[in-house]
Amino acid sequence: MFTGIVEEIGTLAHSGRGAAGLEMTFRAGLVLEGTQLGDSIAVNGTCLTVTAMTAAGFTAGISPETLERTNLGALAAGQRVNLERAVTPSTRLGGHIVQGHVDGVGRLREKKGSREALWLTVSAAEHIMRYVVPKGFICLDGTSLTVVDVWPDAFNVMLVPHTQDHIVLPDRQVGDAINIEVDIVGKYVEKFMAGYAPGSKASPGISLETLSENGFS
């Protein structure tokens, strides 16, 4: 689990085929502290498992599903990436609960504003937009952000100067792919409420009817 608070900006050193398939090596510093083989590091919001380490970076395997669902396959050597280690019991939850399981790739539709306030409008598919609400959480390339406005096929966020300095989203240009993970709370609420939908076969749990049927009238 992650928080969406980017710890440092790393870079893609190189990528290529390894013994277990596609591997990517990232230059990093801070996120290596306390990290061991097998630990998880989020790269642009994608949870990856560390398979090798040096004093200057780490390597992770990239599955075909990850390539299909994220923008990692479009990375070029030298390109900057957001990095965050998995949380520990002592980690401050400064953002929101992020799983590192990207729901899909959106596209930067509009980029405007200034140093004081950079506005990004991101288009996304319906299966993502159904969970996007004004003032709700959204994770873009591993960054926990607050949604401002929502349209049927897009939403926008605003980046203050401090945020701009510590993440890679300001590097994005119109048309670029952005990893999106929606707030998991919305998915759980939807699943729970499905049991109360008319005609649903799911158990509704405790209700006045079930109490009466069991002698609690």
Protein backbone atom coordinates (compact mmCIF):
# COMPACT_ATOMS: atom_id res chain seq x y z
CA MET A 1 0.00 0.00 0.00
CA PHE A 2 1.10 3.57 -0.73
CA THR A 3 -0.07 7.09 0.10
CA GLY A 4 0.38 8.95 -3.18
CA ILE A 5 2.97 11.25 -1.60
CA VAL A 6 5.92 11.04 -4.00
CA GLU A 7 9.21 10.55 -2.14
CA GLU A 8 11.57 11.35 -4.97
CA ILE A 9 11.87 11.69 -8.71
CA GLY A 10 13.98 8.98 -10.31
CA THR A 11 14.87 8.27 -13.92
CA LEU A 12 14.68 5.24 -16.18
CA ALA A 13 18.26 4.06 -16.66
CA HIS A 14 17.48 1.35 -19.20
CA SER A 15 15.04 -1.42 -20.05
CA GLY A 16 15.43 -4.75 -21.79
CA ARG A 17 14.63 -8.41 -21.80
CA GLY A 18 15.82 -10.37 -18.80
CA ALA A 19 15.52 -13.96 -17.62
CA ALA A 20 11.94 -13.31 -16.42
CA GLY A 21 10.82 -11.04 -19.26
CA LEU A 22 10.95 -7.27 -19.58
CA GLU A 23 13.00 -5.55 -16.88
CA MET A 24 13.43 -1.86 -16.11
CA THR A 25 16.24 -0.32 -14.09
CA PHE A 26 15.65 3.02 -12.40
CA ARG A 27 18.17 5.45 -10.94
CA ALA A 28 17.14 6.38 -7.42
CA GLY A 29 18.48 7.37 -4.04
CA LEU A 30 16.06 8.00 -1.20
CA VAL A 31 13.73 5.09 -1.94
CA LEU A 32 16.63 2.66 -1.67
CA GLU A 33 16.98 3.41 2.04
CA GLY A 34 15.65 0.45 4.01
CA THR A 35 14.57 -1.32 0.81
CA GLN A 36 15.33 -5.01 0.35
CA LEU A 37 14.89 -7.44 -2.52
CA GLY A 38 11.23 -8.33 -2.87
CA ASP A 39 9.99 -5.01 -1.49
CA SER A 40 7.51 -2.87 -3.41
CA ILE A 41 8.18 0.52 -4.94
CA ALA A 42 5.55 2.49 -6.85
CA VAL A 43 6.83 3.83 -10.17
CA ASN A 44 4.41 6.39 -11.60
CA GLY A 45 1.81 4.83 -9.30
CA THR A 46 2.47 1.28 -10.48
CA CYS A 47 3.42 -1.20 -7.76
CA LEU A 48 6.61 -2.99 -8.82
CA THR A 49 8.68 -5.61 -7.01
CA VAL A 50 12.37 -4.93 -6.56
CA THR A 51 14.35 -7.80 -8.12
CA ALA A 52 17.86 -6.30 -7.99
CA MET A 53 19.56 -3.34 -6.35
CA THR A 54 22.76 -1.34 -6.55
CA ALA A 55 23.92 1.75 -4.72
CA ALA A 56 22.49 3.85 -7.56
CA GLY A 57 19.17 2.25 -8.32
CA PHE A 58 16.93 -0.79 -8.57
CA THR A 59 15.51 -3.19 -11.15
CA ALA A 60 11.96 -4.50 -11.43
CA GLY A 61 10.20 -6.91 -13.75
CA ILE A 62 7.30 -5.61 -15.85
CA SER A 63 4.47 -8.03 -16.64
CA PRO A 64 2.49 -7.95 -19.90
CA GLU A 65 -0.61 -6.86 -17.94
CA THR A 66 1.30 -3.96 -16.43
CA LEU A 67 2.44 -2.87 -19.88
CA GLU A 68 -1.14 -3.02 -21.11
CA ARG A 69 -2.68 -1.11 -18.20
CA THR A 70 -0.05 1.57 -17.55
CA ASN A 71 2.19 4.08 -19.30
CA LEU A 72 5.42 2.36 -18.27
CA GLY A 73 5.90 0.80 -21.69
CA ALA A 74 6.14 4.27 -23.22
CA LEU A 75 9.02 5.37 -20.97
CA ALA A 76 12.30 6.27 -22.64
CA ALA A 77 15.76 6.08 -21.10
CA GLY A 78 16.41 9.19 -19.05
CA GLN A 79 12.74 9.97 -18.53
CA ARG A 80 11.75 11.06 -15.03
CA VAL A 81 9.39 8.97 -12.89
CA ASN A 82 7.64 9.38 -9.56
CA LEU A 83 8.87 6.98 -6.86
CA GLU A 84 7.37 5.96 -3.52
CA ARG A 85 8.15 3.10 -1.15
CA ALA A 86 5.35 1.00 0.33
CA VAL A 87 4.03 2.31 3.64
CA THR A 88 5.14 1.04 7.03
CA PRO A 89 3.24 1.18 10.36
CA SER A 90 4.97 4.48 11.11
CA THR A 91 4.27 6.14 7.75
CA ARG A 92 2.16 9.30 7.85
CA LEU A 93 -0.89 8.96 5.57
CA GLY A 94 -0.46 12.38 4.00
CA GLY A 95 -2.35 11.51 0.83
CA HIS A 96 -4.89 8.69 0.60
CA ILE A 97 -4.90 4.91 0.36
CA VAL A 98 -3.21 3.96 -2.93
CA GLN A 99 -2.80 0.32 -3.92
CA GLY A 100 -0.45 0.77 -6.83
CA HIS A 101 -2.96 -1.07 -9.02
CA VAL A 102 -3.50 1.27 -11.96
CA ASP A 103 -7.11 1.27 -13.20
CA GLY A 104 -6.27 2.61 -16.61
CA VAL A 105 -4.48 5.26 -18.63
CA GLY A 106 -5.95 8.70 -19.20
CA ARG A 107 -4.76 11.42 -21.55
CA LEU A 108 -3.76 14.97 -20.74
CA ARG A 109 -6.38 17.04 -22.53
CA GLU A 110 -5.43 20.53 -21.38
CA LYS A 111 -2.57 22.15 -19.48
CA LYS A 112 -2.84 25.76 -18.43
CA GLY A 113 -2.11 28.17 -15.64
CA SER A 114 1.00 29.54 -14.05
CA ARG A 115 3.68 28.85 -11.50
CA GLU A 116 1.17 29.65 -8.75
CA ALA A 117 -1.50 27.26 -10.04
CA LEU A 118 -1.01 24.71 -12.81
CA TRP A 119 -4.29 23.21 -14.03
CA LEU A 120 -4.38 19.81 -15.71
CA THR A 121 -7.46 18.37 -17.41
CA VAL A 122 -7.35 14.61 -17.92
CA SER A 123 -9.71 12.58 -20.10
CA ALA A 124 -10.58 9.06 -19.00
CA ALA A 125 -12.81 6.12 -19.91
CA GLU A 126 -16.23 5.53 -18.37
CA HIS A 127 -15.02 2.71 -16.11
CA ILE A 128 -12.76 5.28 -14.43
CA MET A 129 -15.03 8.33 -14.53
CA ARG A 130 -17.78 6.54 -12.61
CA TYR A 131 -15.58 6.77 -9.50
CA VAL A 132 -14.39 10.36 -9.99
CA VAL A 133 -16.19 12.98 -7.89
CA PRO A 134 -15.55 16.66 -7.14
CA LYS A 135 -13.33 17.12 -4.07
CA GLY A 136 -12.59 13.39 -4.10
CA PHE A 137 -9.18 11.72 -4.25
CA ILE A 138 -7.50 10.62 -7.46
CA CYS A 139 -4.02 9.19 -8.03
CA LEU A 140 -2.24 10.41 -11.18
CA ASP A 141 1.12 8.84 -11.99
CA GLY A 142 1.42 7.94 -8.31
CA THR A 143 0.50 11.38 -6.98
CA SER A 144 -2.43 11.79 -4.59
CA LEU A 145 -4.48 14.77 -5.78
CA THR A 146 -7.87 16.36 -5.16
CA VAL A 147 -10.34 16.46 -8.04
CA VAL A 148 -11.74 19.94 -8.74
CA ASP A 149 -14.24 19.73 -11.60
CA VAL A 150 -15.76 16.68 -13.25
CA TRP A 151 -17.28 16.26 -16.72
CA PRO A 152 -18.72 13.11 -18.34
CA ASP A 153 -15.37 12.14 -19.86
CA ALA A 154 -12.78 14.21 -18.01
CA PHE A 155 -11.77 15.90 -14.77
CA ASN A 156 -9.22 18.45 -13.65
CA VAL A 157 -6.76 18.98 -10.82
CA MET A 158 -4.64 21.92 -9.70
CA LEU A 159 -0.97 21.76 -8.71
CA VAL A 160 0.52 24.30 -6.30
CA PRO A 161 4.21 25.26 -6.65
CA HIS A 162 5.50 22.82 -4.02
CA THR A 163 3.71 19.91 -5.69
CA GLN A 164 4.98 20.95 -9.11
CA ASP A 165 8.55 20.81 -7.82
CA HIS A 166 8.32 17.26 -6.46
CA ILE A 167 6.44 15.26 -9.10
CA VAL A 168 6.69 14.57 -12.83
CA LEU A 169 3.18 15.64 -13.90
CA PRO A 170 4.37 19.12 -14.96
CA ASP A 171 6.56 17.33 -17.54
CA ARG A 172 3.48 15.97 -19.29
CA GLN A 173 2.32 17.50 -22.55
CA VAL A 174 -1.15 17.47 -24.10
CA GLY A 175 -1.87 13.98 -25.40
CA ASP A 176 0.52 12.22 -23.02
CA ALA A 177 -0.62 9.12 -21.16
CA ILE A 178 -1.17 9.35 -17.40
CA ASN A 179 -1.65 6.42 -15.02
CA ILE A 180 -4.91 6.70 -13.08
CA GLU A 181 -5.94 4.88 -9.93
CA VAL A 182 -9.32 5.81 -8.47
CA ASP A 183 -10.10 5.90 -4.76
CA ILE A 184 -10.65 2.29 -3.63
CA VAL A 185 -13.32 3.48 -1.17
CA GLY A 186 -15.65 4.23 -4.05
CA LYS A 187 -15.30 0.70 -5.38
CA TYR A 188 -16.10 -0.83 -1.99
CA VAL A 189 -19.16 1.39 -1.57
CA GLU A 190 -20.42 0.42 -5.03
CA LYS A 191 -19.94 -3.29 -4.26
CA PHE A 192 -21.70 -2.97 -0.92
CA MET A 193 -24.64 -1.01 -2.33
CA ALA A 194 -25.10 -3.51 -5.17
CA GLY A 195 -26.58 -5.88 -2.61
CA TYR A 196 -29.42 -3.44 -2.04
CA ALA A 197 -30.32 -2.91 -5.68
CA PRO A 198 -33.78 -4.07 -6.79
CA GLY A 199 -33.63 -7.68 -7.97
CA SER A 200 -30.20 -8.22 -6.49
CA LYS A 201 -29.41 -11.78 -5.40
CA ALA A 202 -26.80 -10.57 -2.94
CA SER A 203 -27.63 -10.79 0.74
CA PRO A 204 -28.77 -7.38 2.05
CA GLY A 205 -27.52 -8.18 5.55
CA ILE A 206 -29.67 -7.11 8.50
CA SER A 207 -32.98 -5.43 7.69
CA LEU A 208 -36.34 -4.98 9.38
CA GLU A 209 -37.65 -7.94 7.40
CA THR A 210 -34.86 -10.32 8.46
CA LEU A 211 -35.23 -9.23 12.08
CA SER A 212 -38.99 -9.89 11.97
CA GLU A 213 -38.51 -13.28 10.30
CA ASN A 214 -36.19 -14.29 13.12
CA GLY A 215 -38.50 -13.32 15.97
CA PHE A 216 -37.25 -9.78 16.62
CA SER A 217 -40.58 -8.08 16.01
